Amino acid sequence: MHLNPYGQDAVRLIADLANDRPRSLPELVRRCAAAGLVIDMPVGDRDLAVALELVDAWCEVADATEPARRAALVNRLLAAASAYPRLTDHGGTGWHLHYRDEGVSLGSVLRALVSVGTALHLAGRGMDRLGRCAGNDCEIVYVDTSRGGKQRYCSPRCANRDAVRRHRATARR
């Protein structure tokens, strides 16, 4: 099965923005570019607010535990970002699909990229492939791209810390 990397990259970007919310428009632009987004669209003052609203809406998707609820939330994101898919070869990166109209702002591009990317990620890998870290006192959102699809912690460090905590609790009994 071929898994579309468009979904993986977009979901990783939005998880990064959710776990460390950008505090300024230049920071948002820098982080989007670092994640591989070609910044060839208009960037305006409203884009940071749109991106932060998107982060909040996407976190609802990540926090949903029922597949039907998660799907409904993703469908809401998709509806808000609807545009005709089109082929493009901007920036010499090769022909690929864009799920947005030409000339839309960074906030609108993020909305389209994240909604389609999340839908591709969940449909291609499984509806349970997003979540919050199961570690004690950790609220980090993770994107499960593991082979087995059993990720429950944001990092090996959190998994180890939680295992030690469970071991010590058992030893005390």
N, C-alpha and C. Protein backbone atom coordinates (compact mmCIF):
# COMPACT_ATOMS: atom_id res chain seq x y z
N MET A 1 0.85 -1.17 0.00
CA MET A 1 0.00 0.00 0.00
C MET A 1 0.89 1.23 0.00
N HIS A 2 0.58 2.16 -0.87
CA HIS A 2 1.32 3.42 -0.91
C HIS A 2 0.65 4.42 0.02
N LEU A 3 1.41 4.96 0.96
CA LEU A 3 0.88 5.98 1.87
C LEU A 3 1.35 7.35 1.39
N ASN A 4 0.42 8.24 1.21
CA ASN A 4 0.71 9.56 0.70
C ASN A 4 1.47 10.38 1.75
N PRO A 5 2.71 10.79 1.45
CA PRO A 5 3.47 11.57 2.43
C PRO A 5 2.90 12.96 2.66
N TYR A 6 2.04 13.44 1.75
CA TYR A 6 1.40 14.74 1.91
C TYR A 6 0.67 14.79 3.25
N GLY A 7 -0.01 13.70 3.58
CA GLY A 7 -0.72 13.64 4.85
C GLY A 7 0.24 13.68 6.02
N GLN A 8 1.27 12.88 5.96
CA GLN A 8 2.22 12.79 7.07
C GLN A 8 2.89 14.13 7.35
N ASP A 9 3.36 14.80 6.32
CA ASP A 9 4.06 16.08 6.52
C ASP A 9 3.13 17.15 7.09
N ALA A 10 1.92 17.22 6.57
CA ALA A 10 0.96 18.22 7.04
C ALA A 10 0.56 17.96 8.48
N VAL A 11 0.36 16.70 8.84
CA VAL A 11 -0.06 16.37 10.19
C VAL A 11 1.08 16.61 11.18
N ARG A 12 2.29 16.33 10.76
CA ARG A 12 3.44 16.62 11.63
C ARG A 12 3.59 18.12 11.85
N LEU A 13 3.36 18.91 10.81
CA LEU A 13 3.44 20.37 10.95
C LEU A 13 2.40 20.88 11.94
N ILE A 14 1.15 20.46 11.79
CA ILE A 14 0.11 20.97 12.67
C ILE A 14 0.32 20.47 14.10
N ALA A 15 0.82 19.26 14.28
CA ALA A 15 1.12 18.78 15.63
C ALA A 15 2.22 19.62 16.25
N ASP A 16 3.22 19.97 15.47
CA ASP A 16 4.29 20.84 15.96
C ASP A 16 3.73 22.19 16.38
N LEU A 17 2.84 22.75 15.57
CA LEU A 17 2.23 24.04 15.90
C LEU A 17 1.32 23.92 17.13
N ALA A 18 0.68 22.78 17.30
CA ALA A 18 -0.20 22.57 18.46
C ALA A 18 0.62 22.44 19.74
N ASN A 19 1.74 21.76 19.66
CA ASN A 19 2.57 21.52 20.84
C ASN A 19 3.40 22.73 21.25
N ASP A 20 3.63 23.63 20.32
CA ASP A 20 4.38 24.86 20.60
C ASP A 20 3.80 25.94 19.71
N ARG A 21 2.73 26.54 20.17
CA ARG A 21 1.98 27.51 19.37
C ARG A 21 2.87 28.68 18.95
N PRO A 22 2.84 29.04 17.68
CA PRO A 22 3.63 30.21 17.24
C PRO A 22 3.11 31.49 17.88
N ARG A 23 4.03 32.37 18.25
CA ARG A 23 3.66 33.60 18.93
C ARG A 23 3.70 34.83 18.03
N SER A 24 4.17 34.63 16.81
CA SER A 24 4.22 35.76 15.88
C SER A 24 4.09 35.24 14.45
N LEU A 25 3.72 36.15 13.55
CA LEU A 25 3.61 35.77 12.14
C LEU A 25 4.96 35.36 11.56
N PRO A 26 6.05 36.09 11.84
CA PRO A 26 7.34 35.63 11.32
C PRO A 26 7.73 34.23 11.81
N GLU A 27 7.39 33.94 13.07
CA GLU A 27 7.68 32.60 13.59
C GLU A 27 6.86 31.55 12.85
N LEU A 28 5.58 31.83 12.61
CA LEU A 28 4.74 30.90 11.87
C LEU A 28 5.31 30.65 10.48
N VAL A 29 5.68 31.71 9.79
CA VAL A 29 6.23 31.58 8.43
C VAL A 29 7.51 30.76 8.46
N ARG A 30 8.39 31.05 9.42
CA ARG A 30 9.67 30.34 9.53
C ARG A 30 9.44 28.85 9.77
N ARG A 31 8.53 28.52 10.66
CA ARG A 31 8.28 27.12 10.98
C ARG A 31 7.61 26.37 9.84
N CYS A 32 6.72 27.05 9.12
CA CYS A 32 6.09 26.42 7.95
C CYS A 32 7.14 26.14 6.88
N ALA A 33 8.00 27.10 6.63
CA ALA A 33 9.07 26.91 5.65
C ALA A 33 10.02 25.80 6.07
N ALA A 34 10.36 25.75 7.35
CA ALA A 34 11.26 24.69 7.86
C ALA A 34 10.63 23.31 7.70
N ALA A 35 9.31 23.25 7.73
CA ALA A 35 8.60 21.98 7.56
C ALA A 35 8.45 21.59 6.10
N GLY A 36 8.92 22.45 5.20
CA GLY A 36 8.90 22.12 3.77
C GLY A 36 7.82 22.81 2.97
N LEU A 37 7.04 23.68 3.60
CA LEU A 37 6.00 24.40 2.87
C LEU A 37 6.66 25.52 2.06
N VAL A 38 6.42 25.52 0.78
CA VAL A 38 6.94 26.58 -0.08
C VAL A 38 6.07 27.81 0.14
N ILE A 39 6.67 28.88 0.64
CA ILE A 39 5.93 30.10 0.96
C ILE A 39 5.90 30.97 -0.31
N ASP A 40 4.95 30.66 -1.18
CA ASP A 40 4.81 31.41 -2.43
C ASP A 40 3.43 32.06 -2.50
N MET A 41 2.82 32.21 -1.34
CA MET A 41 1.48 32.78 -1.27
C MET A 41 1.53 34.07 -0.47
N PRO A 42 0.50 34.89 -0.58
CA PRO A 42 0.47 36.12 0.23
C PRO A 42 0.44 35.78 1.72
N VAL A 43 1.20 36.56 2.50
CA VAL A 43 1.22 36.41 3.95
C VAL A 43 0.74 37.72 4.53
N GLY A 44 -0.31 37.65 5.37
CA GLY A 44 -0.89 38.87 5.93
C GLY A 44 -1.09 38.76 7.43
N ASP A 45 -1.44 39.87 8.01
CA ASP A 45 -1.59 39.97 9.46
C ASP A 45 -2.59 38.96 10.03
N ARG A 46 -3.62 38.64 9.31
CA ARG A 46 -4.68 37.74 9.79
C ARG A 46 -4.23 36.27 9.81
N ASP A 47 -3.15 35.94 9.12
CA ASP A 47 -2.75 34.54 8.99
C ASP A 47 -2.40 33.86 10.31
N LEU A 48 -1.80 34.59 11.24
CA LEU A 48 -1.48 33.98 12.53
C LEU A 48 -2.76 33.60 13.26
N ALA A 49 -3.75 34.48 13.28
CA ALA A 49 -5.02 34.18 13.95
C ALA A 49 -5.71 32.99 13.29
N VAL A 50 -5.69 32.93 11.97
CA VAL A 50 -6.30 31.81 11.25
C VAL A 50 -5.58 30.51 11.61
N ALA A 51 -4.25 30.57 11.65
CA ALA A 51 -3.47 29.37 11.99
C ALA A 51 -3.76 28.90 13.40
N LEU A 52 -3.88 29.82 14.34
CA LEU A 52 -4.17 29.44 15.73
C LEU A 52 -5.58 28.88 15.89
N GLU A 53 -6.54 29.42 15.13
CA GLU A 53 -7.89 28.85 15.12
C GLU A 53 -7.85 27.42 14.55
N LEU A 54 -7.04 27.23 13.52
CA LEU A 54 -6.88 25.91 12.92
C LEU A 54 -6.26 24.94 13.92
N VAL A 55 -5.26 25.39 14.65
CA VAL A 55 -4.64 24.55 15.68
C VAL A 55 -5.69 24.09 16.68
N ASP A 56 -6.52 25.00 17.15
CA ASP A 56 -7.57 24.64 18.11
C ASP A 56 -8.54 23.62 17.52
N ALA A 57 -8.97 23.85 16.30
CA ALA A 57 -9.90 22.92 15.66
C ALA A 57 -9.25 21.56 15.43
N TRP A 58 -7.98 21.56 15.05
CA TRP A 58 -7.28 20.30 14.81
C TRP A 58 -7.07 19.54 16.12
N CYS A 59 -6.82 20.26 17.21
CA CYS A 59 -6.67 19.59 18.50
C CYS A 59 -7.95 18.86 18.90
N GLU A 60 -9.10 19.39 18.51
CA GLU A 60 -10.36 18.67 18.74
C GLU A 60 -10.34 17.33 18.02
N VAL A 61 -9.79 17.31 16.81
CA VAL A 61 -9.66 16.06 16.05
C VAL A 61 -8.75 15.10 16.79
N ALA A 62 -7.59 15.59 17.22
CA ALA A 62 -6.63 14.74 17.91
C ALA A 62 -7.18 14.21 19.22
N ASP A 63 -8.01 15.00 19.91
CA ASP A 63 -8.57 14.60 21.20
C ASP A 63 -9.79 13.70 21.09
N ALA A 64 -10.40 13.66 19.91
CA ALA A 64 -11.59 12.80 19.73
C ALA A 64 -11.17 11.33 19.83
N THR A 65 -11.95 10.55 20.53
CA THR A 65 -11.60 9.14 20.71
C THR A 65 -12.45 8.20 19.86
N GLU A 66 -13.60 8.65 19.44
CA GLU A 66 -14.48 7.83 18.60
C GLU A 66 -14.21 8.13 17.12
N PRO A 67 -14.00 7.11 16.30
CA PRO A 67 -13.72 7.35 14.89
C PRO A 67 -14.78 8.20 14.17
N ALA A 68 -16.05 7.98 14.47
CA ALA A 68 -17.11 8.76 13.80
C ALA A 68 -17.01 10.24 14.18
N ARG A 69 -16.73 10.52 15.43
CA ARG A 69 -16.57 11.92 15.87
C ARG A 69 -15.35 12.53 15.21
N ARG A 70 -14.27 11.79 15.18
CA ARG A 70 -13.04 12.27 14.54
C ARG A 70 -13.29 12.56 13.07
N ALA A 71 -13.99 11.67 12.39
CA ALA A 71 -14.30 11.87 10.97
C ALA A 71 -15.17 13.11 10.77
N ALA A 72 -16.15 13.31 11.63
CA ALA A 72 -17.03 14.48 11.51
C ALA A 72 -16.23 15.76 11.68
N LEU A 73 -15.29 15.77 12.61
CA LEU A 73 -14.46 16.96 12.82
C LEU A 73 -13.53 17.21 11.63
N VAL A 74 -12.96 16.15 11.07
CA VAL A 74 -12.11 16.31 9.87
C VAL A 74 -12.96 16.79 8.71
N ASN A 75 -14.16 16.24 8.56
CA ASN A 75 -15.04 16.69 7.49
C ASN A 75 -15.38 18.17 7.62
N ARG A 76 -15.52 18.65 8.85
CA ARG A 76 -15.77 20.07 9.07
C ARG A 76 -14.57 20.90 8.61
N LEU A 77 -13.37 20.42 8.91
CA LEU A 77 -12.15 21.11 8.44
C LEU A 77 -12.09 21.11 6.92
N LEU A 78 -12.40 19.97 6.31
CA LEU A 78 -12.37 19.86 4.85
C LEU A 78 -13.38 20.81 4.20
N ALA A 79 -14.57 20.90 4.78
CA ALA A 79 -15.59 21.78 4.21
C ALA A 79 -15.17 23.24 4.28
N ALA A 80 -14.49 23.61 5.35
CA ALA A 80 -14.03 25.00 5.50
C ALA A 80 -12.90 25.33 4.54
N ALA A 81 -12.23 24.31 4.04
CA ALA A 81 -11.08 24.54 3.17
C ALA A 81 -11.32 24.10 1.74
N SER A 82 -12.56 23.86 1.39
CA SER A 82 -12.83 23.26 0.09
C SER A 82 -12.40 24.15 -1.07
N ALA A 83 -11.79 23.51 -2.03
CA ALA A 83 -11.36 24.12 -3.29
C ALA A 83 -11.12 22.97 -4.26
N TYR A 84 -11.08 23.28 -5.52
CA TYR A 84 -10.81 22.23 -6.49
C TYR A 84 -9.33 21.86 -6.43
N PRO A 85 -9.03 20.55 -6.33
CA PRO A 85 -7.62 20.15 -6.42
C PRO A 85 -7.08 20.53 -7.79
N ARG A 86 -5.80 20.86 -7.84
CA ARG A 86 -5.21 21.21 -9.14
C ARG A 86 -3.76 20.79 -9.17
N LEU A 87 -3.27 20.50 -10.36
CA LEU A 87 -1.86 20.17 -10.56
C LEU A 87 -1.04 21.44 -10.64
N THR A 88 0.13 21.43 -10.03
CA THR A 88 1.01 22.59 -10.08
C THR A 88 2.46 22.14 -10.10
N ASP A 89 3.32 22.99 -10.63
CA ASP A 89 4.76 22.73 -10.67
C ASP A 89 5.49 23.98 -10.20
N HIS A 90 5.01 24.55 -9.09
CA HIS A 90 5.62 25.77 -8.59
C HIS A 90 6.99 25.49 -7.97
N GLY A 91 7.84 26.46 -8.05
CA GLY A 91 9.15 26.36 -7.40
C GLY A 91 10.03 25.23 -7.91
N GLY A 92 9.71 24.67 -9.07
CA GLY A 92 10.53 23.60 -9.62
C GLY A 92 10.54 22.34 -8.78
N THR A 93 9.50 22.11 -8.00
CA THR A 93 9.46 20.94 -7.13
C THR A 93 8.85 19.72 -7.80
N GLY A 94 8.45 19.85 -9.04
CA GLY A 94 7.82 18.74 -9.75
C GLY A 94 6.31 18.83 -9.66
N TRP A 95 5.64 18.20 -10.59
CA TRP A 95 4.18 18.25 -10.63
C TRP A 95 3.60 17.52 -9.44
N HIS A 96 2.63 18.17 -8.79
CA HIS A 96 1.95 17.59 -7.65
C HIS A 96 0.60 18.27 -7.47
N LEU A 97 -0.23 17.68 -6.62
CA LEU A 97 -1.56 18.23 -6.37
C LEU A 97 -1.52 19.30 -5.29
N HIS A 98 -2.28 20.34 -5.53
CA HIS A 98 -2.57 21.33 -4.49
C HIS A 98 -4.05 21.27 -4.21
N TYR A 99 -4.40 21.35 -2.95
CA TYR A 99 -5.80 21.32 -2.55
C TYR A 99 -6.23 22.73 -2.14
N ARG A 100 -5.96 23.69 -3.02
CA ARG A 100 -6.29 25.08 -2.73
C ARG A 100 -6.28 25.87 -4.03
N ASP A 101 -6.94 27.00 -3.99
CA ASP A 101 -6.95 27.89 -5.14
C ASP A 101 -5.66 28.69 -5.21
N GLU A 102 -5.39 29.23 -6.35
CA GLU A 102 -4.21 30.07 -6.57
C GLU A 102 -4.37 31.40 -5.84
N GLY A 103 -3.29 31.89 -5.24
CA GLY A 103 -3.26 33.22 -4.67
C GLY A 103 -3.92 33.39 -3.31
N VAL A 104 -4.27 32.28 -2.62
CA VAL A 104 -4.86 32.42 -1.30
C VAL A 104 -3.77 32.63 -0.26
N SER A 105 -4.15 33.15 0.89
CA SER A 105 -3.19 33.51 1.93
C SER A 105 -2.63 32.28 2.64
N LEU A 106 -1.58 32.50 3.42
CA LEU A 106 -0.95 31.42 4.18
C LEU A 106 -1.95 30.71 5.08
N GLY A 107 -2.80 31.45 5.78
CA GLY A 107 -3.79 30.83 6.65
C GLY A 107 -4.71 29.89 5.90
N SER A 108 -5.15 30.30 4.73
CA SER A 108 -6.02 29.45 3.90
C SER A 108 -5.26 28.24 3.37
N VAL A 109 -4.01 28.43 3.03
CA VAL A 109 -3.18 27.31 2.57
C VAL A 109 -3.03 26.30 3.70
N LEU A 110 -2.75 26.77 4.90
CA LEU A 110 -2.62 25.86 6.04
C LEU A 110 -3.91 25.11 6.29
N ARG A 111 -5.04 25.81 6.20
CA ARG A 111 -6.34 25.16 6.41
C ARG A 111 -6.53 24.02 5.41
N ALA A 112 -6.24 24.26 4.15
CA ALA A 112 -6.39 23.22 3.13
C ALA A 112 -5.38 22.09 3.33
N LEU A 113 -4.14 22.45 3.54
CA LEU A 113 -3.08 21.46 3.70
C LEU A 113 -3.34 20.55 4.90
N VAL A 114 -3.70 21.14 6.02
CA VAL A 114 -3.92 20.37 7.24
C VAL A 114 -5.17 19.51 7.15
N SER A 115 -6.25 20.05 6.61
CA SER A 115 -7.48 19.26 6.54
C SER A 115 -7.31 18.07 5.61
N VAL A 116 -6.75 18.28 4.43
CA VAL A 116 -6.54 17.17 3.50
C VAL A 116 -5.47 16.23 4.04
N GLY A 117 -4.40 16.78 4.58
CA GLY A 117 -3.34 15.95 5.14
C GLY A 117 -3.83 15.07 6.28
N THR A 118 -4.65 15.63 7.15
CA THR A 118 -5.19 14.85 8.27
C THR A 118 -6.12 13.76 7.75
N ALA A 119 -6.96 14.09 6.78
CA ALA A 119 -7.85 13.09 6.20
C ALA A 119 -7.04 11.96 5.55
N LEU A 120 -5.99 12.30 4.80
CA LEU A 120 -5.16 11.27 4.18
C LEU A 120 -4.45 10.42 5.23
N HIS A 121 -3.95 11.06 6.26
CA HIS A 121 -3.25 10.34 7.33
C HIS A 121 -4.18 9.34 8.01
N LEU A 122 -5.35 9.79 8.40
CA LEU A 122 -6.28 8.92 9.12
C LEU A 122 -6.85 7.83 8.22
N ALA A 123 -7.20 8.18 6.98
CA ALA A 123 -7.75 7.19 6.06
C ALA A 123 -6.69 6.17 5.65
N GLY A 124 -5.45 6.63 5.48
CA GLY A 124 -4.39 5.74 5.02
C GLY A 124 -3.75 4.90 6.11
N ARG A 125 -3.67 5.44 7.31
CA ARG A 125 -2.96 4.74 8.39
C ARG A 125 -3.91 4.19 9.46
N GLY A 126 -5.05 4.84 9.65
CA GLY A 126 -6.00 4.38 10.66
C GLY A 126 -6.55 5.55 11.45
N MET A 127 -7.80 5.45 11.83
CA MET A 127 -8.49 6.54 12.51
C MET A 127 -7.96 6.80 13.91
N ASP A 128 -7.15 5.89 14.43
CA ASP A 128 -6.62 6.06 15.79
C ASP A 128 -5.17 6.54 15.79
N ARG A 129 -4.69 7.08 14.68
CA ARG A 129 -3.29 7.43 14.55
C ARG A 129 -2.94 8.85 14.97
N LEU A 130 -3.74 9.45 15.86
CA LEU A 130 -3.45 10.74 16.49
C LEU A 130 -3.83 10.61 17.95
N GLY A 131 -3.20 11.39 18.79
CA GLY A 131 -3.62 11.37 20.19
C GLY A 131 -2.76 12.24 21.07
N ARG A 132 -3.09 12.23 22.35
CA ARG A 132 -2.30 12.91 23.37
C ARG A 132 -1.44 11.87 24.08
N CYS A 133 -0.29 12.27 24.49
CA CYS A 133 0.65 11.40 25.18
C CYS A 133 -0.02 10.79 26.41
N ALA A 134 0.19 9.50 26.61
CA ALA A 134 -0.37 8.78 27.76
C ALA A 134 0.48 8.96 29.01
N GLY A 135 1.59 9.67 28.88
CA GLY A 135 2.47 9.89 30.02
C GLY A 135 1.81 10.74 31.08
N ASN A 136 2.20 10.49 32.31
CA ASN A 136 1.68 11.22 33.44
C ASN A 136 2.05 12.70 33.31
N ASP A 137 1.06 13.57 33.33
CA ASP A 137 1.25 15.02 33.25
C ASP A 137 1.84 15.49 31.92
N CYS A 138 1.63 14.77 30.85
CA CYS A 138 2.10 15.19 29.53
C CYS A 138 0.89 15.39 28.62
N GLU A 139 0.82 16.53 27.98
CA GLU A 139 -0.31 16.87 27.12
C GLU A 139 0.09 16.98 25.65
N ILE A 140 1.27 16.53 25.30
CA ILE A 140 1.77 16.68 23.93
C ILE A 140 0.95 15.83 22.97
N VAL A 141 0.60 16.41 21.83
CA VAL A 141 -0.09 15.70 20.78
C VAL A 141 0.94 14.94 19.96
N TYR A 142 0.65 13.68 19.65
CA TYR A 142 1.56 12.90 18.79
C TYR A 142 0.83 12.48 17.52
N VAL A 143 1.62 12.24 16.49
CA VAL A 143 1.14 11.72 15.21
C VAL A 143 1.79 10.35 15.06
N ASP A 144 0.99 9.32 15.06
CA ASP A 144 1.52 7.96 14.99
C ASP A 144 1.81 7.59 13.55
N THR A 145 3.09 7.54 13.21
CA THR A 145 3.53 7.08 11.89
C THR A 145 4.32 5.78 12.03
N SER A 146 4.20 5.15 13.20
CA SER A 146 4.93 3.91 13.44
C SER A 146 4.39 2.79 12.56
N ARG A 147 5.21 1.80 12.34
CA ARG A 147 4.81 0.66 11.51
C ARG A 147 3.63 -0.08 12.13
N GLY A 148 3.69 -0.32 13.43
CA GLY A 148 2.66 -1.12 14.09
C GLY A 148 1.42 -0.35 14.49
N GLY A 149 1.51 0.98 14.55
CA GLY A 149 0.34 1.79 14.89
C GLY A 149 -0.07 1.70 16.34
N LYS A 150 0.87 1.46 17.22
CA LYS A 150 0.54 1.31 18.64
C LYS A 150 1.12 2.44 19.50
N GLN A 151 1.52 3.54 18.90
CA GLN A 151 2.12 4.63 19.66
C GLN A 151 1.12 5.20 20.66
N ARG A 152 1.56 5.43 21.87
CA ARG A 152 0.71 6.02 22.89
C ARG A 152 1.42 7.14 23.65
N TYR A 153 2.70 7.32 23.37
CA TYR A 153 3.51 8.34 24.04
C TYR A 153 4.12 9.26 23.00
N CYS A 154 4.41 10.48 23.43
CA CYS A 154 4.99 11.45 22.50
C CYS A 154 6.44 11.15 22.18
N SER A 155 7.13 10.43 23.08
CA SER A 155 8.56 10.17 22.90
C SER A 155 8.96 8.95 23.73
N PRO A 156 10.09 8.34 23.40
CA PRO A 156 10.59 7.26 24.25
C PRO A 156 10.84 7.72 25.69
N ARG A 157 11.25 8.96 25.84
CA ARG A 157 11.49 9.48 27.19
C ARG A 157 10.22 9.43 28.04
N CYS A 158 9.10 9.88 27.49
CA CYS A 158 7.83 9.84 28.23
C CYS A 158 7.41 8.39 28.49
N ALA A 159 7.59 7.52 27.52
CA ALA A 159 7.23 6.12 27.71
C ALA A 159 8.07 5.50 28.83
N ASN A 160 9.36 5.78 28.83
CA ASN A 160 10.24 5.25 29.88
C ASN A 160 9.89 5.81 31.25
N ARG A 161 9.64 7.10 31.31
CA ARG A 161 9.27 7.74 32.57
C ARG A 161 7.99 7.12 33.13
N ASP A 162 7.02 6.87 32.27
CA ASP A 162 5.77 6.27 32.71
C ASP A 162 5.98 4.82 33.15
N ALA A 163 6.83 4.09 32.45
CA ALA A 163 7.12 2.70 32.84
C ALA A 163 7.80 2.66 34.21
N VAL A 164 8.72 3.57 34.46
CA VAL A 164 9.38 3.63 35.77
C VAL A 164 8.36 3.96 36.85
N ARG A 165 7.47 4.90 36.58
CA ARG A 165 6.43 5.27 37.54
C ARG A 165 5.54 4.07 37.86
N ARG A 166 5.12 3.34 36.83
CA ARG A 166 4.29 2.15 37.05
C ARG A 166 5.05 1.08 37.84
N HIS A 167 6.33 0.89 37.51
CA HIS A 167 7.15 -0.11 38.20
C HIS A 167 7.29 0.24 39.69
N ARG A 168 7.55 1.50 39.97
CA ARG A 168 7.70 1.93 41.37
C ARG A 168 6.39 1.79 42.14
N ALA A 169 5.29 2.08 41.48
CA ALA A 169 3.98 1.93 42.14
C ALA A 169 3.72 0.45 42.46
N THR A 170 4.08 -0.43 41.57
CA THR A 170 3.91 -1.87 41.79
C THR A 170 4.83 -2.33 42.91
N ALA A 171 6.07 -1.85 42.93
CA ALA A 171 7.04 -2.26 43.95
C ALA A 171 6.60 -1.81 45.34
N ARG A 172 5.93 -0.67 45.43
CA ARG A 172 5.46 -0.17 46.74
C ARG A 172 4.34 -1.03 47.31
N ARG A 173 3.57 -1.65 46.42
CA ARG A 173 2.47 -2.51 46.88
C ARG A 173 3.06 -3.77 47.38
